[in-house]
Amino acid sequence: MTPAAAGNAFALATALSWASAVVLFKKSGEHLDPVDLNTFKSVVALVLLAATFPAAGVPFLPAAPTGHLALLLASGVLGIAIADTLFFQSLSLLGATRSAIVDCLYAPFVVIASVAWLGERPSPRALLGGVLVVSAVLLTRAREVSYDLAPRDLRRGILLGALSMASTAVAIVAVKPLLPGYPVLWTTSVRLLGGVLGLLAFGLLRRRGLRTLRLLAPRPAWWVAVPGAVLGNYVALLLWVAGFKYGEATSAAILNQTSTLFIVVLAALFLRERFTGWHALATGLAFVGAAVVVW
């Protein structure tokens, strides 16, 4: 298998793993607030990653310039501590189906970040795709799609979801040039460490240090929170970084975006979320727009 083909396979597997995790996170959000849920799943995943190092034969401290280490940690703070907390807040407000539509902003934001950070030039096709995605997000405000949601919660959920996707895109594109030079396991772990440190610092600012530690005590919410953490922040995170390492950023972005389709199907099956023709239109429009952006 060529590196490009491997990257595409990793990116597609990321989408399926993340979609499954989103359904579990939606259930977990009924018991934990967004910051607590983000902290819990990040700590669980970091422990699992640390336990994987000996089996993978990867050194804990490879030779890496301080600047690279600092950039990876900062990427974790932005892409995990901040972006994932915003995502969970949006998910709690919008539900999995509408949240999946807003998450299609991820692909246009990857293109925008690639232009700003990597010097890539957007094509007219990319601009058209961006318009389609934004149109789909605006369509979520239609009465038939948002029938059971207060306008204020809808606006807030869309804004939080958009900020989450922008943060995620910037965080991964910023470290894209570094990824080929280091093992996937190590870069993923450093980013996650940055996210955990950011969340713990936020917890201290909120004077919730002891409460954060109590999250690790067994509780009924674990039956969905632990599988969600394993799929969403261990399996999916490794696959996601691998997809960007071995494949092109644009190809990885569109294959990641197939999570939208997986999420709406799983949400209808397991969360019993309503899925109407208007939902199908918005979802299809968002997915096509994301595909056009990075085709």
Protein backbone atom coordinates (compact mmCIF):
# COMPACT_ATOMS: atom_id res chain seq x y z
CA MET A 1 0.00 0.00 0.00
CA THR A 2 1.37 3.42 -0.96
CA PRO A 3 1.68 6.16 1.69
CA ALA A 4 -1.18 8.09 0.03
CA ALA A 5 -3.45 5.04 0.05
CA ALA A 6 -2.55 4.34 3.68
CA GLY A 7 -3.32 7.96 4.56
CA ASN A 8 -6.74 7.70 2.90
CA ALA A 9 -7.50 4.46 4.74
CA PHE A 10 -6.53 6.02 8.07
CA ALA A 11 -8.67 9.09 7.37
CA LEU A 12 -11.74 7.03 6.49
CA ALA A 13 -11.29 4.85 9.57
CA THR A 14 -11.06 8.05 11.60
CA ALA A 15 -14.50 9.11 10.38
CA LEU A 16 -16.17 5.85 11.43
CA SER A 17 -14.43 5.78 14.81
CA TRP A 18 -15.26 9.43 15.54
CA ALA A 19 -18.90 9.05 14.49
CA SER A 20 -19.31 6.15 16.92
CA ALA A 21 -17.66 8.20 19.66
CA VAL A 22 -19.95 11.21 19.03
CA VAL A 23 -23.02 9.08 19.76
CA LEU A 24 -21.41 7.91 23.01
CA PHE A 25 -20.36 11.47 23.89
CA LYS A 26 -23.93 12.66 23.39
CA LYS A 27 -25.09 10.13 25.97
CA SER A 28 -22.17 10.99 28.27
CA GLY A 29 -23.14 14.66 28.09
CA GLU A 30 -26.33 13.80 29.96
CA HIS A 31 -24.17 13.05 33.04
CA LEU A 32 -21.07 15.25 32.64
CA ASP A 33 -20.65 18.89 31.67
CA PRO A 34 -18.50 19.67 28.57
CA VAL A 35 -15.29 20.52 30.46
CA ASP A 36 -15.55 17.46 32.72
CA LEU A 37 -16.31 15.18 29.79
CA ASN A 38 -13.39 16.58 27.79
CA THR A 39 -11.03 16.18 30.75
CA PHE A 40 -12.18 12.64 31.45
CA LYS A 41 -11.86 11.34 27.90
CA SER A 42 -8.49 13.10 27.42
CA VAL A 43 -6.98 11.63 30.59
CA VAL A 44 -8.25 8.14 29.71
CA ALA A 45 -6.80 8.38 26.21
CA LEU A 46 -3.47 9.74 27.50
CA VAL A 47 -3.11 6.76 29.86
CA LEU A 48 -3.87 4.36 27.00
CA LEU A 49 -1.34 6.09 24.73
CA ALA A 50 1.35 5.93 27.42
CA ALA A 51 0.68 2.20 27.83
CA THR A 52 1.05 1.75 24.05
CA PHE A 53 4.62 3.13 23.87
CA PRO A 54 6.42 -0.04 25.10
CA ALA A 55 4.38 -2.29 22.80
CA ALA A 56 5.09 -0.05 19.80
CA GLY A 57 8.78 0.31 20.62
CA VAL A 58 8.56 4.09 20.44
CA PRO A 59 10.80 6.14 22.78
CA PHE A 60 9.05 8.49 25.18
CA LEU A 61 11.54 11.28 24.47
CA PRO A 62 12.81 11.25 20.87
CA ALA A 63 15.25 13.93 19.84
CA ALA A 64 13.06 16.91 19.04
CA PRO A 65 13.79 20.65 19.04
CA THR A 66 12.14 22.64 21.79
CA GLY A 67 10.22 24.63 19.19
CA HIS A 68 8.64 21.49 17.75
CA LEU A 69 7.65 20.28 21.20
CA ALA A 70 6.15 23.65 22.09
CA LEU A 71 4.16 23.78 18.84
CA LEU A 72 2.74 20.29 19.38
CA LEU A 73 1.75 21.13 22.95
CA ALA A 74 0.11 24.38 21.80
CA SER A 75 -1.71 22.43 19.09
CA GLY A 76 -3.09 20.17 21.80
CA VAL A 77 -4.27 23.10 23.91
CA LEU A 78 -6.08 24.64 20.95
CA GLY A 79 -7.29 21.47 19.24
CA ILE A 80 -8.25 19.43 22.31
CA ALA A 81 -8.65 21.58 25.43
CA ILE A 82 -10.44 24.40 23.62
CA ALA A 83 -11.89 22.88 20.43
CA ASP A 84 -13.26 19.70 22.01
CA THR A 85 -14.85 21.60 24.90
CA LEU A 86 -16.57 23.89 22.42
CA PHE A 87 -17.66 20.83 20.44
CA PHE A 88 -19.24 19.17 23.47
CA GLN A 89 -21.09 22.38 24.32
CA SER A 90 -22.39 22.55 20.74
CA LEU A 91 -23.29 18.86 20.74
CA SER A 92 -25.26 19.28 23.96
CA LEU A 93 -27.27 22.13 22.45
CA LEU A 94 -27.80 20.91 18.89
CA GLY A 95 -27.87 17.12 19.15
CA ALA A 96 -25.76 14.76 17.04
CA THR A 97 -27.55 15.28 13.70
CA ARG A 98 -27.48 19.08 13.59
CA SER A 99 -24.00 19.09 15.12
CA ALA A 100 -22.77 16.86 12.28
CA ILE A 101 -24.02 19.41 9.74
CA VAL A 102 -22.20 22.28 11.47
CA ASP A 103 -19.07 20.13 11.72
CA CYS A 104 -18.83 20.19 7.91
CA LEU A 105 -17.27 23.63 8.37
CA TYR A 106 -14.14 21.65 9.27
CA ALA A 107 -13.16 21.08 5.61
CA PRO A 108 -13.40 24.75 4.52
CA PHE A 109 -11.53 25.78 7.66
CA VAL A 110 -8.74 23.28 6.84
CA VAL A 111 -8.43 24.90 3.41
CA ILE A 112 -8.39 28.41 4.93
CA ALA A 113 -5.78 27.37 7.49
CA SER A 114 -3.68 25.73 4.76
CA VAL A 115 -3.76 28.98 2.80
CA ALA A 116 -2.71 31.03 5.83
CA TRP A 117 -0.15 28.61 7.28
CA LEU A 118 1.15 26.54 4.36
CA GLY A 119 0.78 29.07 1.55
CA GLU A 120 -1.69 27.05 -0.51
CA ARG A 121 -3.98 28.88 -2.92
CA PRO A 122 -7.77 28.29 -2.85
CA SER A 123 -9.37 27.47 -6.19
CA PRO A 124 -12.79 28.70 -7.36
CA ARG A 125 -14.01 25.15 -6.69
CA ALA A 126 -12.90 25.43 -3.06
CA LEU A 127 -14.72 28.73 -2.69
CA LEU A 128 -17.88 27.20 -4.19
CA GLY A 129 -17.66 24.31 -1.74
CA GLY A 130 -17.31 26.72 1.14
CA VAL A 131 -20.48 28.50 0.05
CA LEU A 132 -22.35 25.17 -0.07
CA VAL A 133 -21.22 24.22 3.43
CA VAL A 134 -22.14 27.61 4.88
CA SER A 135 -25.52 27.35 3.12
CA ALA A 136 -26.11 23.98 4.76
CA VAL A 137 -25.25 25.40 8.18
CA LEU A 138 -27.67 28.28 7.60
CA LEU A 139 -30.30 25.76 6.54
CA THR A 140 -30.20 24.27 10.03
CA ARG A 141 -32.09 27.39 11.10
CA ALA A 142 -35.08 26.33 8.99
CA ARG A 143 -38.14 25.59 11.08
CA GLU A 144 -38.38 22.00 9.85
CA VAL A 145 -34.82 21.30 11.02
CA SER A 146 -34.86 23.24 14.28
CA TYR A 147 -38.44 22.54 15.30
CA ASP A 148 -37.55 21.43 18.84
CA LEU A 149 -34.82 23.95 19.64
CA ALA A 150 -35.06 27.47 21.01
CA PRO A 151 -33.62 30.08 18.58
CA ARG A 152 -31.12 31.26 21.18
CA ASP A 153 -29.81 27.73 21.78
CA LEU A 154 -29.66 27.12 18.04
CA ARG A 155 -27.59 30.26 17.38
CA ARG A 156 -25.29 29.51 20.31
CA GLY A 157 -24.85 25.88 19.25
CA ILE A 158 -23.95 26.84 15.68
CA LEU A 159 -21.47 29.49 16.86
CA LEU A 160 -19.78 27.12 19.30
CA GLY A 161 -19.60 24.39 16.66
CA ALA A 162 -18.08 26.77 14.12
CA LEU A 163 -15.46 27.97 16.62
CA SER A 164 -14.66 24.35 17.45
CA MET A 165 -14.09 23.42 13.81
CA ALA A 166 -11.95 26.50 13.21
CA SER A 167 -9.79 25.69 16.24
CA THR A 168 -9.45 22.06 15.18
CA ALA A 169 -8.39 23.00 11.64
CA VAL A 170 -5.80 25.54 12.76
CA ALA A 171 -4.41 23.14 15.36
CA ILE A 172 -3.74 20.28 12.92
CA VAL A 173 -2.60 22.36 9.92
CA ALA A 174 -0.10 24.22 12.13
CA VAL A 175 1.73 20.98 12.94
CA LYS A 176 1.30 19.32 9.53
CA PRO A 177 4.91 20.08 8.46
CA LEU A 178 6.24 18.39 11.63
CA LEU A 179 4.31 15.13 11.36
CA PRO A 180 6.48 13.27 8.78
CA GLY A 181 9.51 13.57 11.06
CA TYR A 182 8.13 11.82 14.15
CA PRO A 183 6.21 8.64 15.07
CA VAL A 184 2.43 9.04 15.00
CA LEU A 185 2.15 7.71 18.55
CA TRP A 186 4.55 10.32 19.90
CA THR A 187 3.06 13.36 18.14
CA THR A 188 -0.45 12.25 19.11
CA SER A 189 0.59 11.83 22.74
CA VAL A 190 2.33 15.20 22.95
CA ARG A 191 -0.72 16.95 21.50
CA LEU A 192 -2.97 15.13 23.94
CA LEU A 193 -0.65 16.00 26.82
CA GLY A 194 -0.97 19.65 25.83
CA GLY A 195 -4.73 19.28 25.84
CA VAL A 196 -4.78 17.65 29.29
CA LEU A 197 -2.48 20.32 30.74
CA GLY A 198 -4.71 23.02 29.29
CA LEU A 199 -7.83 21.41 30.76
CA LEU A 200 -6.21 20.98 34.19
CA ALA A 201 -5.10 24.62 34.16
CA PHE A 202 -8.63 25.66 33.27
CA GLY A 203 -9.93 23.49 36.10
CA LEU A 204 -7.63 25.22 38.56
CA LEU A 205 -8.81 28.62 37.36
CA ARG A 206 -12.37 27.48 38.00
CA ARG A 207 -11.23 26.17 41.39
CA ARG A 208 -12.36 22.68 40.49
CA GLY A 209 -9.09 20.81 40.92
CA LEU A 210 -10.40 18.21 43.39
CA ARG A 211 -13.60 17.75 41.42
CA THR A 212 -11.52 17.05 38.32
CA LEU A 213 -9.71 14.25 40.17
CA ARG A 214 -13.04 12.80 41.33
CA LEU A 215 -14.02 12.35 37.67
CA LEU A 216 -11.67 9.36 37.59
CA ALA A 217 -13.64 7.53 40.27
CA PRO A 218 -15.94 4.80 38.87
CA ARG A 219 -19.50 6.00 38.25
CA PRO A 220 -22.52 4.95 36.14
CA ALA A 221 -21.58 7.41 33.38
CA TRP A 222 -18.48 5.32 32.68
CA TRP A 223 -20.45 2.80 30.62
CA VAL A 224 -20.66 5.34 27.79
CA ALA A 225 -17.85 7.75 28.70
CA VAL A 226 -15.06 5.13 28.67
CA PRO A 227 -15.93 3.59 25.26
CA GLY A 228 -16.34 7.12 23.90
CA ALA A 229 -12.90 8.10 25.20
CA VAL A 230 -11.30 4.98 23.70
CA LEU A 231 -12.91 5.44 20.29
CA GLY A 232 -12.84 9.24 20.13
CA ASN A 233 -9.56 10.18 21.78
CA TYR A 234 -7.42 7.08 21.45
CA VAL A 235 -8.33 5.20 18.29
CA ALA A 236 -9.67 8.16 16.28
CA LEU A 237 -6.89 10.53 17.35
CA LEU A 238 -4.15 8.10 16.30
CA LEU A 239 -5.89 7.43 12.99
CA TRP A 240 -6.50 11.15 12.42
CA VAL A 241 -2.86 12.14 12.88
CA ALA A 242 -1.75 9.16 10.76
CA GLY A 243 -4.08 10.26 7.97
CA PHE A 244 -2.53 13.73 7.91
CA LYS A 245 1.00 12.31 8.18
CA TYR A 246 0.81 9.88 5.27
CA GLY A 247 -1.77 11.57 3.04
CA GLU A 248 -2.46 15.04 1.75
CA ALA A 249 -4.25 17.45 4.09
CA THR A 250 -7.08 18.01 1.61
CA SER A 251 -7.67 14.28 1.02
CA ALA A 252 -7.61 13.59 4.73
CA ALA A 253 -10.11 16.39 5.33
CA ILE A 254 -12.73 15.10 2.89
CA LEU A 255 -12.46 11.50 4.12
CA ASN A 256 -12.68 12.74 7.72
CA GLN A 257 -15.84 14.57 6.69
CA THR A 258 -17.61 11.31 5.87
CA SER A 259 -18.16 11.16 9.63
CA THR A 260 -21.13 13.46 8.93
CA LEU A 261 -22.95 10.67 7.13
CA PHE A 262 -22.03 8.09 9.75
CA ILE A 263 -23.18 10.36 12.58
CA VAL A 264 -26.64 11.11 11.21
CA VAL A 265 -27.26 7.40 10.60
CA LEU A 266 -26.03 6.35 14.04
CA ALA A 267 -27.92 9.20 15.74
CA ALA A 268 -31.16 8.08 14.12
CA LEU A 269 -30.55 4.44 15.05
CA PHE A 270 -29.23 4.74 18.59
CA LEU A 271 -30.26 8.19 19.84
CA ARG A 272 -33.67 8.14 18.17
CA GLU A 273 -33.06 11.63 16.83
CA ARG A 274 -35.59 12.78 14.27
CA PHE A 275 -34.28 12.70 10.71
CA THR A 276 -36.49 14.40 8.12
CA GLY A 277 -36.15 15.29 4.48
CA TRP A 278 -34.88 18.72 5.51
CA HIS A 279 -32.19 17.09 7.64
CA ALA A 280 -31.24 14.95 4.64
CA LEU A 281 -31.05 18.05 2.42
CA ALA A 282 -28.86 19.97 4.87
CA THR A 283 -26.62 16.94 5.48
CA GLY A 284 -26.21 16.21 1.78
CA LEU A 285 -25.54 19.86 0.95
CA ALA A 286 -22.90 20.09 3.68
CA PHE A 287 -21.19 16.88 2.61
CA VAL A 288 -21.15 17.82 -1.08
CA GLY A 289 -19.77 21.24 -0.17
CA ALA A 290 -17.00 19.66 1.90
CA ALA A 291 -16.19 17.29 -0.97
CA VAL A 292 -16.04 20.16 -3.46
CA VAL A 293 -13.73 22.14 -1.17
CA VAL A 294 -11.01 19.51 -1.04
CA TRP A 295 -11.59 17.45 -4.18
